[in-house]
Amino acid sequence: MRRIGLLHHPRLPATQPMAVEMARQAGEVGLAAWIGSTWDEEGVSGEIADLDLLVTLGGDGSILRAARMAARWGVPVLGVKMGRLGFLTELEPGQWPAALPRLLAGDYWLEERMMLYAEYHRGEECRGQYEALNDVVVSRGSLARIVRLETHIDGSFLTTYAADGLIVATATGSTAYAFAAGGPVLPPQLKNILLIPIAPHLSMDRAIVLAQGAVVKVLVHTDHQAILTVDGQFEYELRDGDWVTVQASPHLGRFVRFQDQAYFYRTLMERLRWPLPGQPA
């Protein structure tokens, strides 16, 4: 490892001076460091080919952005928790000095997580291509009225959901919006795709777990606006007759881990504030 990128969060003022201090500490052990903003995709894209690691200072939203930018280059991501939740983060800010010699020594393991690739079509025209680490969601717009989502799996009709929306999620996304909508929690090493309807009305109301190779097609039937959301960060307007396809991405999200491989379950219980063994309920 020779050169790392440190990404601060533009809406968390404390992250920028922290990035500067972390870069100084990295320099003391022989690591070159570049500092940028998590929201500056163009700037990161210009540097990422020369980076061995992206370090995010923020929460899970920062990691989602970084993972999408880094995946096609195979660059791993290390999250430093300076946000609210931190399901995906690995370090607290104070743990950075101790992590540096371990990075240089290769004393860590790389976790690979499946990502999604989505296309949005209007007629025969592809209007957009997106990658997601958590989820792709087709849902109603601002009006509190259901949309009808005709759903096909591998070219075969599954059902038409009458609902507020449909979440197509990875195992990573199973602890995000999918979890809030009543979906199951999947460990991150699984390469499955989840389908979870949002507030279904007189239609299929259970989550479905699909194989990694499945292709999901969602055809929108609505007399008002619907929206496509990618990782909860980008929103695109959909019209009646538009359709979205979702499948596993050819790229993987890669994450630096120092904890043992059972960390996921501990983190899950901590974030949900459920007691661990030996702790009072």
Protein backbone atom coordinates (compact mmCIF):
# COMPACT_ATOMS: atom_id res chain seq x y z
CA MET A 1 0.00 0.00 0.00
CA ARG A 2 1.54 3.28 -1.20
CA ARG A 3 -1.15 5.94 -1.64
CA ILE A 4 -4.54 6.39 -0.01
CA GLY A 5 -7.48 8.73 -0.46
CA LEU A 6 -9.16 10.41 2.52
CA LEU A 7 -12.71 11.57 1.84
CA HIS A 8 -14.30 14.12 4.17
CA HIS A 9 -18.02 14.88 4.32
CA PRO A 10 -18.99 18.39 3.14
CA ARG A 11 -21.82 18.63 5.70
CA LEU A 12 -19.81 17.36 8.66
CA PRO A 13 -17.31 20.17 9.37
CA ALA A 14 -15.25 18.07 11.80
CA THR A 15 -14.32 15.60 9.06
CA GLN A 16 -12.09 17.97 7.07
CA PRO A 17 -9.56 18.81 9.83
CA MET A 18 -9.69 15.14 10.82
CA ALA A 19 -8.73 14.17 7.26
CA VAL A 20 -5.80 16.59 7.37
CA GLU A 21 -4.57 15.10 10.66
CA MET A 22 -5.00 11.56 9.36
CA ALA A 23 -3.02 12.45 6.22
CA ARG A 24 -0.22 13.82 8.43
CA GLN A 25 -0.12 10.62 10.46
CA ALA A 26 -0.13 8.53 7.26
CA GLY A 27 2.84 10.54 5.95
CA GLU A 28 4.81 9.77 9.11
CA VAL A 29 4.70 6.05 8.31
CA GLY A 30 5.45 6.50 4.60
CA LEU A 31 1.95 6.53 3.13
CA ALA A 32 1.11 9.25 0.61
CA ALA A 33 -2.40 10.67 1.12
CA TRP A 34 -4.78 12.59 -1.13
CA ILE A 35 -7.71 14.46 0.46
CA GLY A 36 -11.04 14.97 -1.30
CA SER A 37 -14.78 15.21 -0.73
CA THR A 38 -17.11 12.23 -0.72
CA TRP A 39 -19.53 14.27 -2.85
CA ASP A 40 -16.93 15.24 -5.48
CA GLU A 41 -17.33 12.29 -7.83
CA GLU A 42 -15.40 13.98 -10.63
CA GLY A 43 -12.47 14.74 -8.35
CA VAL A 44 -12.39 11.23 -6.92
CA SER A 45 -12.64 9.71 -10.41
CA GLY A 46 -9.54 11.65 -11.43
CA GLU A 47 -7.48 10.19 -8.58
CA ILE A 48 -8.85 6.74 -7.89
CA ALA A 49 -6.76 4.83 -10.45
CA ASP A 50 -3.66 5.80 -8.45
CA LEU A 51 -5.08 4.92 -5.03
CA ASP A 52 -4.69 1.69 -3.08
CA LEU A 53 -7.42 2.51 -0.57
CA LEU A 54 -10.31 4.95 -0.06
CA VAL A 55 -10.95 6.02 3.53
CA THR A 56 -14.29 7.68 4.27
CA LEU A 57 -14.94 9.98 7.22
CA GLY A 58 -18.68 9.98 7.88
CA GLY A 59 -21.41 7.39 8.09
CA ASP A 60 -22.88 4.70 5.89
CA GLY A 61 -23.98 7.23 3.25
CA SER A 62 -20.34 8.18 2.69
CA ILE A 63 -19.41 4.54 2.29
CA LEU A 64 -22.22 3.95 -0.23
CA ARG A 65 -20.91 6.80 -2.38
CA ALA A 66 -17.30 5.68 -2.07
CA ALA A 67 -18.12 2.04 -2.84
CA ARG A 68 -19.90 2.97 -6.06
CA MET A 69 -16.92 5.07 -7.19
CA ALA A 70 -14.31 2.51 -6.14
CA ALA A 71 -15.92 -0.74 -7.29
CA ARG A 72 -15.03 -0.60 -10.96
CA TRP A 73 -11.37 -0.03 -10.06
CA GLY A 74 -11.27 -2.75 -7.42
CA VAL A 75 -10.14 -0.22 -4.80
CA PRO A 76 -11.15 -1.21 -1.25
CA VAL A 77 -12.92 1.14 1.16
CA LEU A 78 -12.29 1.70 4.87
CA GLY A 79 -14.96 3.54 6.83
CA VAL A 80 -14.16 5.76 9.83
CA LYS A 81 -17.33 6.42 11.83
CA MET A 82 -18.14 10.11 12.14
CA GLY A 83 -21.81 9.84 11.18
CA ARG A 84 -24.92 8.56 12.92
CA LEU A 85 -25.30 4.83 12.36
CA GLY A 86 -22.27 3.09 10.90
CA PHE A 87 -23.33 -0.44 9.95
CA LEU A 88 -20.56 -0.42 7.35
CA THR A 89 -17.84 1.56 9.13
CA GLU A 90 -14.83 -0.24 10.62
CA LEU A 91 -13.00 2.29 12.81
CA GLU A 92 -13.63 5.05 15.31
CA PRO A 93 -11.49 8.18 14.66
CA GLY A 94 -9.23 7.41 17.62
CA GLN A 95 -8.36 3.98 16.21
CA TRP A 96 -6.69 5.36 13.07
CA PRO A 97 -3.10 5.60 14.46
CA ALA A 98 -3.19 1.93 15.52
CA ALA A 99 -4.63 0.91 12.15
CA LEU A 100 -1.82 2.49 10.11
CA PRO A 101 0.91 -0.09 10.84
CA ARG A 102 -1.60 -2.88 10.23
CA LEU A 103 -2.43 -1.42 6.82
CA LEU A 104 1.25 -1.27 5.91
CA ALA A 105 1.83 -4.83 7.13
CA GLY A 106 -1.22 -6.19 5.28
CA ASP A 107 -2.70 -7.25 8.61
CA TYR A 108 -6.34 -7.08 7.53
CA TRP A 109 -8.78 -9.01 5.37
CA LEU A 110 -10.87 -7.88 2.41
CA GLU A 111 -14.61 -8.39 2.53
CA GLU A 112 -16.34 -8.55 -0.86
CA ARG A 113 -20.00 -7.64 -1.18
CA MET A 114 -22.31 -8.01 -4.14
CA MET A 115 -23.60 -4.84 -5.77
CA LEU A 116 -26.56 -4.23 -8.10
CA TYR A 117 -26.67 -2.93 -11.65
CA ALA A 118 -29.89 -1.20 -12.75
CA GLU A 119 -31.17 0.27 -16.00
CA TYR A 120 -34.13 2.60 -16.43
CA HIS A 121 -36.02 2.48 -19.74
CA ARG A 122 -38.70 4.57 -21.41
CA GLY A 123 -39.95 2.65 -24.39
CA GLU A 124 -36.91 1.25 -26.17
CA GLU A 125 -34.63 4.01 -24.86
CA CYS A 126 -32.31 3.33 -21.93
CA ARG A 127 -32.50 6.55 -19.88
CA GLY A 128 -29.94 5.67 -17.23
CA GLN A 129 -27.54 3.06 -15.83
CA TYR A 130 -26.75 2.85 -12.13
CA GLU A 131 -24.87 0.76 -9.58
CA ALA A 132 -25.98 0.32 -5.99
CA LEU A 133 -24.49 -1.26 -2.89
CA ASN A 134 -27.71 -1.24 -0.83
CA ASP A 135 -30.80 -1.14 -2.99
CA VAL A 136 -32.78 0.02 -5.99
CA VAL A 137 -36.33 1.15 -5.15
CA VAL A 138 -39.30 1.82 -7.43
CA SER A 139 -42.01 3.65 -5.51
CA ARG A 140 -44.79 6.20 -5.54
CA GLY A 141 -43.97 9.88 -5.66
CA SER A 142 -45.27 12.58 -3.33
CA LEU A 143 -48.93 11.54 -3.55
CA ALA A 144 -50.09 8.95 -1.01
CA ARG A 145 -51.44 6.63 -3.71
CA ILE A 146 -50.26 3.16 -4.60
CA VAL A 147 -48.48 2.24 -7.79
CA ARG A 148 -48.87 -1.05 -9.64
CA LEU A 149 -45.55 -2.70 -10.31
CA GLU A 150 -45.66 -5.56 -12.79
CA THR A 151 -42.69 -7.69 -11.81
CA HIS A 152 -40.88 -10.34 -13.89
CA ILE A 153 -38.02 -12.64 -12.86
CA ASP A 154 -35.75 -13.93 -15.64
CA GLY A 155 -38.38 -13.02 -18.22
CA SER A 156 -41.20 -14.84 -16.41
CA PHE A 157 -44.14 -12.96 -14.82
CA LEU A 158 -44.07 -13.09 -11.01
CA THR A 159 -46.84 -10.79 -9.78
CA THR A 160 -48.15 -7.23 -9.91
CA TYR A 161 -47.54 -5.48 -6.62
CA ALA A 162 -50.14 -2.88 -5.60
CA ALA A 163 -48.06 -1.02 -3.06
CA ASP A 164 -46.18 2.11 -2.10
CA GLY A 165 -43.18 0.57 -3.83
CA LEU A 166 -40.81 -2.34 -4.29
CA ILE A 167 -37.30 -2.64 -2.84
CA VAL A 168 -34.69 -4.66 -4.73
CA ALA A 169 -31.84 -5.10 -2.26
CA THR A 170 -28.51 -6.82 -1.70
CA ALA A 171 -27.48 -8.56 1.50
CA THR A 172 -25.82 -5.25 2.44
CA GLY A 173 -29.12 -3.45 1.90
CA SER A 174 -30.99 -6.00 4.01
CA THR A 175 -30.09 -3.93 7.12
CA ALA A 176 -31.25 -0.66 5.50
CA TYR A 177 -34.62 0.24 3.93
CA ALA A 178 -35.39 -3.45 3.36
CA PHE A 179 -35.13 -4.10 7.11
CA ALA A 180 -37.43 -1.17 7.88
CA ALA A 181 -39.98 -2.64 5.44
CA GLY A 182 -39.98 -5.99 7.26
CA GLY A 183 -37.44 -7.89 5.18
CA PRO A 184 -35.00 -10.52 6.49
CA VAL A 185 -31.42 -9.76 7.51
CA LEU A 186 -28.85 -11.49 5.31
CA PRO A 187 -25.15 -11.80 6.19
CA PRO A 188 -22.97 -9.77 3.83
CA GLN A 189 -21.22 -12.73 2.21
CA LEU A 190 -24.47 -13.92 0.60
CA LYS A 191 -24.88 -13.04 -3.08
CA ASN A 192 -28.69 -12.99 -3.14
CA ILE A 193 -31.16 -10.38 -4.33
CA LEU A 194 -34.10 -9.46 -2.08
CA LEU A 195 -37.56 -8.32 -3.24
CA ILE A 196 -39.55 -6.54 -0.52
CA PRO A 197 -42.87 -4.75 -1.21
CA ILE A 198 -43.52 -1.49 0.66
CA ALA A 199 -46.97 -1.32 2.30
CA PRO A 200 -48.61 -3.76 -0.16
CA HIS A 201 -52.38 -3.56 -0.54
CA LEU A 202 -54.23 -6.81 -1.27
CA SER A 203 -51.19 -8.22 -3.05
CA MET A 204 -48.07 -10.30 -2.32
CA ASP A 205 -46.82 -9.11 1.08
CA ARG A 206 -43.80 -11.35 1.75
CA ALA A 207 -40.14 -10.88 0.94
CA ILE A 208 -38.67 -13.09 -1.78
CA VAL A 209 -35.01 -14.13 -1.90
CA LEU A 210 -33.60 -14.56 -5.41
CA ALA A 211 -30.41 -16.15 -6.68
CA GLN A 212 -27.43 -13.97 -7.63
CA GLY A 213 -27.99 -14.53 -11.34
CA ALA A 214 -31.63 -13.40 -11.36
CA VAL A 215 -32.77 -10.50 -13.52
CA VAL A 216 -35.66 -8.46 -12.14
CA LYS A 217 -37.82 -6.35 -14.45
CA VAL A 218 -40.34 -3.90 -12.95
CA LEU A 219 -42.92 -2.30 -15.27
CA VAL A 220 -44.63 0.78 -13.80
CA HIS A 221 -48.40 1.23 -14.06
CA THR A 222 -49.55 4.55 -12.58
CA ASP A 223 -51.71 7.58 -13.34
CA HIS A 224 -49.42 9.81 -11.29
CA GLN A 225 -45.70 10.21 -10.68
CA ALA A 226 -43.49 7.34 -9.52
CA ILE A 227 -39.78 7.47 -8.69
CA LEU A 228 -36.66 5.37 -8.97
CA THR A 229 -34.22 5.68 -6.07
CA VAL A 230 -30.66 4.32 -6.01
CA ASP A 231 -29.08 3.71 -2.57
CA GLY A 232 -31.44 6.33 -1.14
CA GLN A 233 -29.24 9.05 -2.62
CA PHE A 234 -30.40 9.61 -6.20
CA GLU A 235 -33.98 10.04 -7.37
CA TYR A 236 -35.38 9.88 -10.91
CA GLU A 237 -38.95 10.50 -12.07
CA LEU A 238 -40.80 7.56 -13.63
CA ARG A 239 -43.92 7.63 -15.80
CA ASP A 240 -46.59 5.09 -16.66
CA GLY A 241 -45.06 2.43 -18.91
CA ASP A 242 -41.45 3.02 -17.82
CA TRP A 243 -39.52 -0.06 -16.76
CA VAL A 244 -36.51 -0.84 -14.63
CA THR A 245 -34.24 -3.88 -14.74
CA VAL A 246 -32.04 -4.90 -11.80
CA GLN A 247 -29.40 -7.62 -11.61
CA ALA A 248 -26.10 -8.35 -9.92
CA SER A 249 -23.35 -5.93 -10.92
CA PRO A 250 -20.13 -7.27 -12.43
CA HIS A 251 -18.34 -5.16 -9.81
CA LEU A 252 -17.97 -5.92 -6.12
CA GLY A 253 -17.78 -3.60 -3.14
CA ARG A 254 -14.53 -4.35 -1.29
CA PHE A 255 -13.99 -3.36 2.35
CA VAL A 256 -10.97 -3.45 4.64
CA ARG A 257 -11.72 -5.30 7.88
CA PHE A 258 -9.58 -5.61 11.01
CA GLN A 259 -12.21 -7.37 13.09
CA ASP A 260 -12.83 -11.11 12.95
CA GLN A 261 -15.33 -12.38 10.43
CA ALA A 262 -18.16 -12.66 12.99
CA TYR A 263 -18.13 -8.85 13.38
CA PHE A 264 -21.37 -8.46 11.41
CA TYR A 265 -23.61 -9.99 14.06
CA ARG A 266 -22.03 -8.00 16.88
CA THR A 267 -22.44 -4.79 14.90
CA LEU A 268 -26.04 -5.66 14.08
CA MET A 269 -26.96 -6.14 17.73
CA GLU A 270 -25.08 -3.01 18.82
CA ARG A 271 -26.76 -0.82 16.22
CA LEU A 272 -30.17 -2.22 17.11
CA ARG A 273 -29.38 -1.67 20.81
CA TRP A 274 -30.16 -5.29 21.63
CA PRO A 275 -28.23 -6.78 24.59
CA LEU A 276 -25.21 -8.94 23.92
CA PRO A 277 -24.32 -11.93 26.14
CA GLY A 278 -23.26 -10.77 29.58
CA GLN A 279 -24.98 -7.40 29.19
CA PRO A 280 -28.15 -6.39 31.08
CA ALA A 281 -31.36 -6.43 29.02
